[in-house]
Amino acid sequence: MQIKKSAMAAAAVAALAVSPAFAANTANFGQVISSIQSSKSAPAQIQSMADVKSVNVVKIGDIAKGENMIALDQAVTKNEADIVALRSDLTTNTAVNTALMPALTNAGVGVDAIVAANVESDGALTVYVR
């Protein structure tokens, strides 16, 4: 019984110790829509970033298909002005831009593909791209 409890505790610790890159790769569609809808507040967070620990690029097409893509298009259309402001803030903050551009290049996308972003408490930046 003690071994079983120890194994379960170890599994719980491992599950909580997820790297930001892995967390971004396991993002779900609900997180994307929520991030788009809260894109009005993201620019303030982006502007205040002085140090970016890591950048995670999440391709929405990898996690959304069919009807979800229709919902995505609707959310982007509804929040277009905020998304444009977000893109601008991502490129005007030097610390963010310096970390962001190589990550976008590695993902094969540009700034214009970004539809949402999250600033994590550990200094990681997650951007959602089409």
Protein backbone atom coordinates (compact mmCIF):
# COMPACT_ATOMS: atom_id res chain seq x y z
CA MET A 1 0.00 0.00 0.00
CA GLN A 2 2.85 2.40 0.87
CA ILE A 3 4.47 1.81 -2.55
CA LYS A 4 1.19 2.56 -4.31
CA LYS A 5 0.81 5.86 -2.37
CA SER A 6 4.42 6.84 -3.16
CA ALA A 7 3.91 6.13 -6.85
CA MET A 8 0.72 8.17 -6.89
CA ALA A 9 2.43 11.06 -5.10
CA ALA A 10 5.32 10.98 -7.59
CA ALA A 11 2.89 11.00 -10.49
CA ALA A 12 1.06 13.99 -9.00
CA VAL A 13 4.30 15.93 -8.60
CA ALA A 14 5.31 15.11 -12.17
CA ALA A 15 1.94 16.25 -13.46
CA LEU A 16 2.30 19.59 -11.69
CA ALA A 17 5.83 20.14 -12.98
CA VAL A 18 4.78 20.77 -16.57
CA SER A 19 7.08 23.01 -18.57
CA PRO A 20 5.57 26.11 -20.24
CA ALA A 21 6.38 24.70 -23.68
CA PHE A 22 4.51 21.50 -22.88
CA ALA A 23 1.63 23.47 -21.38
CA ALA A 24 1.37 25.50 -24.57
CA ASN A 25 1.39 22.36 -26.67
CA THR A 26 -1.50 20.99 -24.61
CA ALA A 27 -3.58 24.17 -24.83
CA ASN A 28 -7.24 23.64 -25.53
CA PHE A 29 -9.70 25.54 -27.68
CA GLY A 30 -11.44 27.06 -24.67
CA GLN A 31 -8.17 28.68 -23.59
CA VAL A 32 -7.76 30.18 -27.06
CA ILE A 33 -11.25 31.70 -27.11
CA SER A 34 -10.84 33.01 -23.56
CA SER A 35 -7.52 34.61 -24.51
CA ILE A 36 -9.04 36.25 -27.58
CA GLN A 37 -11.94 37.59 -25.53
CA SER A 38 -9.56 39.03 -22.93
CA SER A 39 -7.24 40.51 -25.56
CA LYS A 40 -8.31 43.98 -24.46
CA SER A 41 -6.27 43.58 -21.24
CA ALA A 42 -3.29 41.78 -22.81
CA PRO A 43 -1.59 44.91 -24.22
CA ALA A 44 -1.14 46.37 -20.72
CA GLN A 45 0.49 43.13 -19.58
CA ILE A 46 2.70 43.04 -22.67
CA GLN A 47 3.79 46.66 -22.22
CA SER A 48 4.88 45.98 -18.64
CA MET A 49 7.07 42.96 -19.50
CA ALA A 50 10.74 43.74 -18.96
CA ASP A 51 12.01 40.16 -19.13
CA VAL A 52 10.55 37.30 -21.16
CA LYS A 53 11.55 33.90 -19.77
CA SER A 54 10.26 31.94 -22.76
CA VAL A 55 7.90 32.20 -25.71
CA ASN A 56 5.42 29.47 -26.53
CA VAL A 57 3.76 29.55 -29.95
CA VAL A 58 0.50 27.60 -30.16
CA LYS A 59 -0.90 26.94 -33.62
CA ILE A 60 -4.66 27.01 -33.25
CA GLY A 61 -5.12 24.75 -36.27
CA ASP A 62 -3.44 21.99 -34.27
CA ILE A 63 -6.14 22.09 -31.59
CA ALA A 64 -9.26 23.31 -33.41
CA LYS A 65 -11.14 21.88 -36.35
CA GLY A 66 -14.55 22.24 -38.01
CA GLU A 67 -17.10 24.21 -36.04
CA ASN A 68 -14.40 25.43 -33.65
CA MET A 69 -12.76 27.23 -36.56
CA ILE A 70 -16.06 29.03 -37.25
CA ALA A 71 -16.20 30.09 -33.59
CA LEU A 72 -12.57 31.21 -33.85
CA ASP A 73 -13.31 33.35 -36.91
CA GLN A 74 -16.24 34.95 -35.10
CA ALA A 75 -14.17 35.70 -32.00
CA VAL A 76 -11.36 37.19 -34.07
CA THR A 77 -13.79 39.38 -36.03
CA LYS A 78 -15.48 40.59 -32.84
CA ASN A 79 -12.13 41.43 -31.19
CA GLU A 80 -10.19 42.62 -34.25
CA ALA A 81 -9.33 46.09 -32.89
CA ASP A 82 -7.96 44.60 -29.66
CA ILE A 83 -5.96 42.01 -31.61
CA VAL A 84 -4.39 44.73 -33.77
CA ALA A 85 -3.42 46.63 -30.59
CA LEU A 86 -1.98 43.43 -29.12
CA ARG A 87 0.19 42.82 -32.19
CA SER A 88 1.45 46.38 -32.02
CA ASP A 89 2.38 46.08 -28.35
CA LEU A 90 4.15 42.78 -28.97
CA THR A 91 6.43 44.45 -31.50
CA THR A 92 7.01 47.78 -29.72
CA ASN A 93 8.16 46.29 -26.40
CA THR A 94 11.84 45.59 -27.10
CA ALA A 95 12.18 42.76 -24.55
CA VAL A 96 9.10 41.01 -25.92
CA ASN A 97 9.96 41.58 -29.56
CA THR A 98 13.51 40.25 -29.07
CA ALA A 99 12.17 37.00 -27.59
CA LEU A 100 9.11 36.73 -29.82
CA MET A 101 10.57 37.07 -33.31
CA PRO A 102 12.83 33.99 -33.22
CA ALA A 103 9.98 31.90 -31.81
CA LEU A 104 7.61 33.03 -34.57
CA THR A 105 10.28 32.36 -37.21
CA ASN A 106 10.83 28.87 -35.83
CA ALA A 107 7.06 28.27 -36.01
CA GLY A 108 6.94 29.56 -39.59
CA VAL A 109 4.52 32.43 -38.87
CA GLY A 110 4.60 36.20 -38.58
CA VAL A 111 3.19 38.70 -36.14
CA ASP A 112 0.09 39.07 -38.30
CA ALA A 113 -0.85 35.46 -37.46
CA ILE A 114 -1.17 36.23 -33.73
CA VAL A 115 -4.75 36.37 -32.48
CA ALA A 116 -4.17 36.20 -28.70
CA ALA A 117 -1.48 36.12 -26.04
CA ASN A 118 -1.13 35.21 -22.39
CA VAL A 119 1.54 36.44 -20.01
CA GLU A 120 2.22 33.73 -17.45
CA SER A 121 3.18 34.44 -13.85
CA ASP A 122 6.63 32.92 -14.43
CA GLY A 123 7.45 35.41 -17.20
CA ALA A 124 6.60 33.08 -20.08
CA LEU A 125 4.66 34.47 -23.03
CA THR A 126 2.22 32.26 -24.91
CA VAL A 127 0.98 33.46 -28.28
CA TYR A 128 -1.85 31.82 -30.23
CA VAL A 129 -1.49 31.94 -33.99
CA ARG A 130 -3.59 30.98 -36.98
